[in-house]
Protein backbone atom coordinates (compact mmCIF):
# COMPACT_ATOMS: atom_id res chain seq x y z
CA MET A 1 16.02 7.58 13.19
CA LYS A 2 16.71 4.90 10.59
CA GLU A 3 15.20 5.20 7.16
CA ARG A 4 11.96 3.27 6.87
CA LEU A 5 11.84 0.28 4.57
CA ASP A 6 10.00 0.88 1.31
CA ILE A 7 9.03 -2.73 0.65
CA ILE A 8 8.18 -5.60 2.97
CA ALA A 9 6.56 -8.71 1.55
CA LEU A 10 6.08 -11.40 4.14
CA GLU A 11 4.23 -14.63 3.45
CA THR A 12 5.00 -18.24 4.21
CA PRO A 13 6.52 -19.54 0.91
CA GLN A 14 5.14 -23.08 1.13
CA ASN A 15 1.61 -21.69 1.44
CA THR A 16 1.91 -19.32 -1.51
CA GLU A 17 1.70 -20.25 -5.19
CA LYS A 18 3.54 -17.60 -7.21
CA TYR A 19 4.38 -17.27 -10.92
CA TYR A 20 6.31 -14.65 -12.90
CA ALA A 21 6.05 -13.11 -16.35
CA PRO A 22 8.27 -14.62 -19.04
CA PRO A 23 11.53 -12.71 -19.68
CA MET A 24 11.04 -9.67 -21.93
CA ASP A 25 12.89 -6.54 -22.97
CA ASN A 26 10.00 -4.10 -22.63
CA GLU A 27 7.33 -3.99 -19.92
CA GLU A 28 5.09 -1.49 -21.72
CA PRO A 29 2.26 -0.98 -22.36
CA PHE A 30 0.84 -3.58 -19.93
CA LEU A 31 2.43 -6.38 -17.97
CA ILE A 32 1.27 -8.87 -15.35
CA THR A 33 4.59 -9.04 -13.48
CA GLU A 34 3.56 -11.87 -11.15
CA TYR A 35 0.43 -13.72 -10.13
CA GLY A 36 -0.68 -16.52 -7.88
CA LYS A 37 -2.65 -17.68 -4.86
CA THR A 38 -2.06 -17.36 -1.16
CA PHE A 39 -3.66 -20.26 0.63
CA LEU A 40 -5.70 -20.47 3.82
CA GLY A 41 -3.83 -19.93 7.06
CA THR A 42 -0.91 -18.04 5.52
CA PRO A 43 0.43 -15.17 7.64
CA CYS A 44 0.56 -12.03 5.52
CA TYR A 45 2.05 -8.56 5.93
CA GLN A 46 2.73 -6.48 2.81
CA LEU A 47 4.08 -2.92 2.75
CA ARG A 48 5.00 -0.98 -0.38
CA ILE A 49 5.77 2.74 -0.18
CA ASN A 50 5.21 4.58 -3.48
CA SER A 51 4.62 1.17 -5.01
CA LYS A 52 6.18 0.37 -8.36
CA LEU A 53 3.31 -1.94 -9.21
CA ALA A 54 -0.44 -2.28 -8.87
CA CYS A 55 -2.37 -5.31 -7.63
CA LEU A 56 -5.85 -6.73 -7.94
CA GLN A 57 -6.88 -9.33 -5.38
CA TYR A 58 -9.94 -11.38 -4.51
CA VAL A 59 -10.39 -12.64 -0.95
CA ILE A 60 -11.55 -16.24 -1.18
CA CYS A 61 -11.88 -16.41 2.60
CA GLY A 62 -10.50 -14.72 5.69
CA SER A 63 -10.26 -11.09 6.71
CA GLY A 64 -7.76 -8.32 7.17
CA VAL A 65 -6.90 -4.68 6.80
CA ILE A 66 -5.97 -2.61 3.73
CA ILE A 67 -4.26 0.75 3.95
CA CYS A 68 -3.96 2.81 0.78
CA ASP A 69 -2.37 6.24 1.17
CA ASP A 70 -4.49 7.99 3.82
CA ALA A 71 -7.39 5.53 4.12
CA ILE A 72 -7.96 2.26 5.98
CA TYR A 73 -10.42 -0.44 4.96
CA THR A 74 -11.44 -3.76 6.48
CA VAL A 75 -11.65 -6.58 3.95
CA ASN A 76 -13.56 -9.84 4.27
CA THR A 77 -14.46 -13.02 2.40
CA GLY A 78 -15.90 -12.21 -1.03
CA ASP A 79 -14.32 -8.76 -1.36
CA THR A 80 -12.09 -7.56 -4.18
CA PHE A 81 -9.50 -4.83 -3.73
CA LEU A 82 -7.44 -2.76 -6.13
CA LEU A 83 -4.21 -0.98 -5.15
CA LEU A 84 -2.61 1.18 -7.83
CA GLU A 85 0.94 1.96 -8.85
CA GLY A 86 2.38 4.99 -7.07
CA THR A 87 0.32 4.58 -3.90
CA ASN A 88 1.44 3.65 -0.42
CA GLN A 89 0.10 0.13 0.14
CA ILE A 90 -0.14 -1.91 3.31
CA TYR A 91 -2.31 -4.94 3.82
CA TYR A 92 -2.26 -7.68 6.38
CA SER A 93 -4.43 -10.58 7.40
CA ASN A 94 -6.31 -10.96 10.65
CA PRO A 95 -4.12 -13.29 12.76
CA ASP A 96 -7.20 -15.25 13.82
CA ASN A 97 -8.76 -15.41 10.35
CA GLN A 98 -5.95 -15.32 7.80
CA PHE A 99 -6.46 -14.59 4.12
CA GLU A 100 -6.84 -16.98 1.27
CA ARG A 101 -6.45 -14.86 -1.87
CA ILE A 102 -6.01 -15.01 -5.63
CA TRP A 103 -4.10 -12.07 -7.08
CA ILE A 104 -2.27 -10.40 -9.94
CA ASN A 105 0.40 -7.70 -9.84
CA PHE A 106 0.57 -5.44 -12.88
CA LYS A 107 2.17 -2.29 -14.23
CA GLY A 108 2.34 -0.19 -17.39
CA GLU A 109 0.84 2.88 -19.01
CA LEU A 110 -2.05 0.99 -20.60
CA GLY A 111 -3.23 -0.30 -17.22
CA GLU A 112 -3.08 3.26 -15.87
CA LYS A 113 -5.11 4.56 -18.82
CA ILE A 114 -7.75 1.84 -18.48
CA VAL A 115 -8.09 2.55 -14.76
CA ASP A 116 -8.61 6.25 -15.51
CA ILE A 117 -11.08 5.68 -18.35
CA TYR A 118 -13.26 3.51 -16.14
CA LYS A 119 -12.90 5.94 -13.20
CA LEU A 120 -11.37 3.33 -10.89
CA ARG A 121 -8.50 5.41 -9.54
CA LYS A 122 -10.31 6.23 -6.29
CA CYS A 123 -11.84 2.76 -5.95
CA VAL A 124 -9.95 0.56 -3.51
CA LEU A 125 -12.48 -1.89 -2.10
CA PHE A 126 -15.28 -3.66 -3.97
CA ARG A 127 -17.53 -5.22 -1.35
CA ASN A 128 -18.97 -8.67 -2.12
CA LEU A 129 -17.73 -8.56 -5.71
CA ASN A 130 -16.70 -12.00 -6.93
CA THR A 131 -13.78 -11.74 -9.36
CA LEU A 132 -12.55 -15.30 -8.76
CA ASP A 133 -13.47 -16.58 -12.24
CA LEU A 134 -11.95 -13.56 -13.97
CA LEU A 135 -8.69 -13.76 -12.03
CA THR A 136 -8.53 -17.53 -12.56
CA GLU A 137 -9.00 -16.97 -16.31
CA MET A 138 -6.26 -14.31 -16.23
CA GLN A 139 -3.85 -16.68 -14.52
CA GLU A 140 -4.61 -19.46 -17.02
CA ILE A 141 -3.83 -17.05 -19.87
CA CYS A 142 -0.57 -16.07 -18.18
CA LYS A 143 0.47 -19.72 -17.86
CA LYS A 144 -0.53 -20.49 -21.46
CA HIS A 145 1.47 -17.79 -23.22
CA THR A 146 5.25 -17.90 -22.87
CA ASN A 147 5.84 -15.64 -25.87
CA PRO A 148 6.20 -12.09 -24.46
CA VAL A 149 4.08 -10.43 -27.17
CA ASP A 150 1.20 -12.90 -26.81
CA TYR A 151 1.52 -12.76 -23.03
CA LYS A 152 1.11 -8.97 -22.94
CA ASN A 153 -1.57 -8.75 -25.63
CA GLU A 154 -3.84 -11.48 -24.28
CA THR A 155 -3.60 -10.34 -20.65
CA ALA A 156 -4.28 -6.72 -21.68
CA ARG A 157 -7.47 -7.79 -23.46
CA LEU A 158 -8.75 -9.59 -20.39
CA PHE A 159 -7.71 -6.76 -18.08
CA LEU A 160 -9.97 -4.44 -20.10
CA LYS A 161 -12.85 -6.87 -19.46
CA ILE A 162 -12.01 -6.96 -15.75
CA ALA A 163 -11.92 -3.14 -15.57
CA GLN A 164 -15.35 -2.97 -17.21
CA PHE A 165 -16.69 -5.44 -14.66
CA LEU A 166 -15.23 -3.47 -11.75
CA SER A 167 -16.62 -0.22 -13.12
CA GLU A 168 -20.12 -1.67 -13.50
CA ASN A 169 -20.11 -2.92 -9.90
CA LYS A 170 -18.24 -0.22 -7.99
CA THR A 171 -19.83 1.22 -4.87
CA GLU A 172 -18.79 3.82 -2.37
CA SER A 173 -16.33 2.23 0.03
CA LYS A 174 -16.31 3.81 3.45
CA ASN A 175 -12.81 4.51 4.59
CA ILE A 176 -11.79 5.31 8.13
CA THR A 177 -11.65 9.00 8.93
CA SER A 178 -12.22 9.46 12.67
CA PRO A 179 -9.31 11.05 14.58
CA ILE A 180 -8.40 7.95 16.57
CA GLU A 181 -8.55 5.81 13.44
CA GLN A 182 -6.16 8.26 11.82
CA VAL A 183 -3.83 7.66 14.77
CA ARG A 184 -4.03 3.94 14.06
CA LEU A 185 -3.36 4.63 10.37
CA TYR A 186 -0.25 6.59 11.30
CA ILE A 187 0.97 3.76 13.52
CA ASP A 188 0.36 1.12 10.83
CA THR A 189 2.16 3.11 8.13
CA HIS A 190 5.17 3.80 10.38
CA ILE A 191 5.24 0.49 12.26
CA MET A 192 8.86 -0.26 11.33
CA GLU A 193 10.00 2.95 13.02
CA ASN A 194 10.73 3.77 16.65
CA LEU A 195 7.26 5.10 17.43
CA LYS A 196 6.85 7.08 20.63
CA LEU A 197 3.60 8.32 22.13
CA PRO A 198 4.83 11.92 22.76
CA GLU A 199 5.64 12.27 19.05
CA ILE A 200 2.23 10.86 18.05
CA SER A 201 0.54 13.17 20.55
CA HIS A 202 2.37 16.18 19.12
CA LYS A 203 1.50 15.24 15.51
CA PHE A 204 -2.24 14.93 16.20
CA TYR A 205 -2.52 17.75 18.76
CA PHE A 206 -4.02 15.44 21.40
CA SER A 207 -2.78 14.86 24.90
CA GLU A 208 -1.16 11.51 25.54
CA GLU A 209 -3.86 10.70 28.06
CA HIS A 210 -6.61 11.38 25.49
CA ILE A 211 -4.94 9.15 22.87
CA ILE A 212 -4.43 6.30 25.35
CA ARG A 213 -8.01 6.51 26.65
CA THR A 214 -9.68 6.81 23.23
CA PHE A 215 -7.48 4.18 21.59
CA LYS A 216 -8.27 1.70 24.34
CA GLN A 217 -12.00 2.46 24.11
CA ASN A 218 -11.94 1.70 20.37
CA TYR A 219 -9.46 -1.18 20.16
CA GLY A 220 -9.31 -2.65 23.65
CA ILE A 221 -5.58 -2.05 24.08
CA THR A 222 -3.28 0.95 24.53
CA PRO A 223 -1.26 2.40 21.62
CA HIS A 224 1.91 1.02 23.20
CA GLN A 225 0.42 -2.48 23.33
CA TYR A 226 -0.85 -2.15 19.75
CA ILE A 227 2.59 -1.10 18.49
CA LEU A 228 4.29 -3.99 20.30
CA GLN A 229 1.75 -6.55 19.11
CA SER A 230 2.06 -5.31 15.52
CA LYS A 231 5.85 -5.50 15.64
CA ILE A 232 5.74 -8.99 17.17
CA ARG A 233 3.34 -10.17 14.46
CA ILE A 234 5.72 -8.93 11.77
CA ALA A 235 8.64 -10.54 13.63
CA MET A 236 6.79 -13.87 13.68
CA ILE A 237 6.41 -13.79 9.90
CA MET A 238 10.02 -12.68 9.43
CA LEU A 239 11.18 -15.63 11.54
CA GLN A 240 9.05 -17.96 9.43
CA THR A 241 9.93 -16.61 5.99
CA SER A 242 13.50 -15.26 6.17
CA ASP A 243 16.94 -16.27 7.35
CA ASN A 244 17.57 -12.88 8.97
CA SER A 245 19.34 -13.14 12.31
CA ILE A 246 17.53 -12.26 15.53
CA GLU A 247 19.75 -9.18 15.76
CA THR A 248 18.78 -8.05 12.24
CA ILE A 249 15.05 -8.51 12.87
CA SER A 250 15.38 -6.61 16.14
CA GLU A 251 17.09 -3.75 14.30
CA LEU A 252 14.62 -3.69 11.41
CA LEU A 253 11.73 -3.41 13.86
CA ASN A 254 13.51 -0.70 15.85
CA PHE A 255 13.70 -2.48 19.19
CA SER A 256 16.28 -0.95 21.51
CA ASP A 257 18.40 -4.13 21.45
CA PRO A 258 18.06 -7.88 20.70
CA HIS A 259 17.59 -8.73 24.39
CA HIS A 260 14.59 -6.38 24.66
CA PHE A 261 13.17 -7.80 21.42
CA SER A 262 13.62 -11.37 22.66
CA SER A 263 11.96 -10.67 26.02
CA GLN A 264 8.98 -8.91 24.40
CA PHE A 265 8.63 -11.69 21.82
CA LYS A 266 8.52 -14.31 24.58
CA LYS A 267 6.01 -12.21 26.55
CA TYR A 268 3.56 -12.19 23.63
CA THR A 269 4.18 -15.64 22.13
CA GLY A 270 5.57 -17.77 24.94
CA PHE A 271 8.74 -18.56 22.91
CA ARG A 272 12.15 -17.06 22.45
CA PRO A 273 12.58 -15.98 18.78
CA SER A 274 15.15 -18.71 18.06
CA ASN A 275 12.89 -21.40 19.55
CA TYR A 276 9.88 -20.07 17.65
CA ARG A 277 11.80 -20.29 14.36
CA LYS A 278 13.09 -23.78 15.17
CA ASN A 279 9.65 -25.09 16.14
CA PHE A 280 8.00 -23.57 13.05
CA ARG A 281 10.55 -25.07 10.68
CA LYS A 282 10.13 -28.52 12.20
């Protein structure tokens, strides 16, 4: 089996506003590495294994799924979510109701300490918590200060204010723990691999028939269909956002060969991959 990719970041560039920190020699003790907005209707699939950065995001509208380590959350308009450095992070938008988000990515020991002091380490989702003004203010500060020292100092001060606000408004976020939802979690976190139902069945000590029946009762499709649809959705974004060849995308998604990938892509979208890319870029 091929090694799994540690980082996938797929969004349509023209629908994403992204800025970076000014050049600096030292990232400590706190650094907003990048920040921006992802606009309405932007396909999104992000995967970071043992992430080297943390992110704080506010969902202006739309919905999707967040996976952080061993928990899954659904996220909707008006929610804020926090994913910390060192965690396994996956989040993706609902294809029928795609995210519009404002976000910051950050790293550094000071951010870690602040998160711990305000007991936010186990807080992932903040339901109906509006952080739009705070994140907008943070981004304005980032744009204002091009001097590295001022950039880090001013953003650290505001991050402390944001952490206080999150701490004052945190609630228990229900994560998904039922056995079949754990099966879905496993599929989502290994979606780039060559997933096979017998292996999933063996891992969770369920019969294949039980997994198929229960998965379909909960999600309306079989695990095999869910895996294929998830892979095709990622392929669609790859075709939109990268110049990878059809063969490379097929290999990354662990299809048996490009012909099989192409036929499955057409089955689910009505287009051959090359035609889909050509039509999108027109």
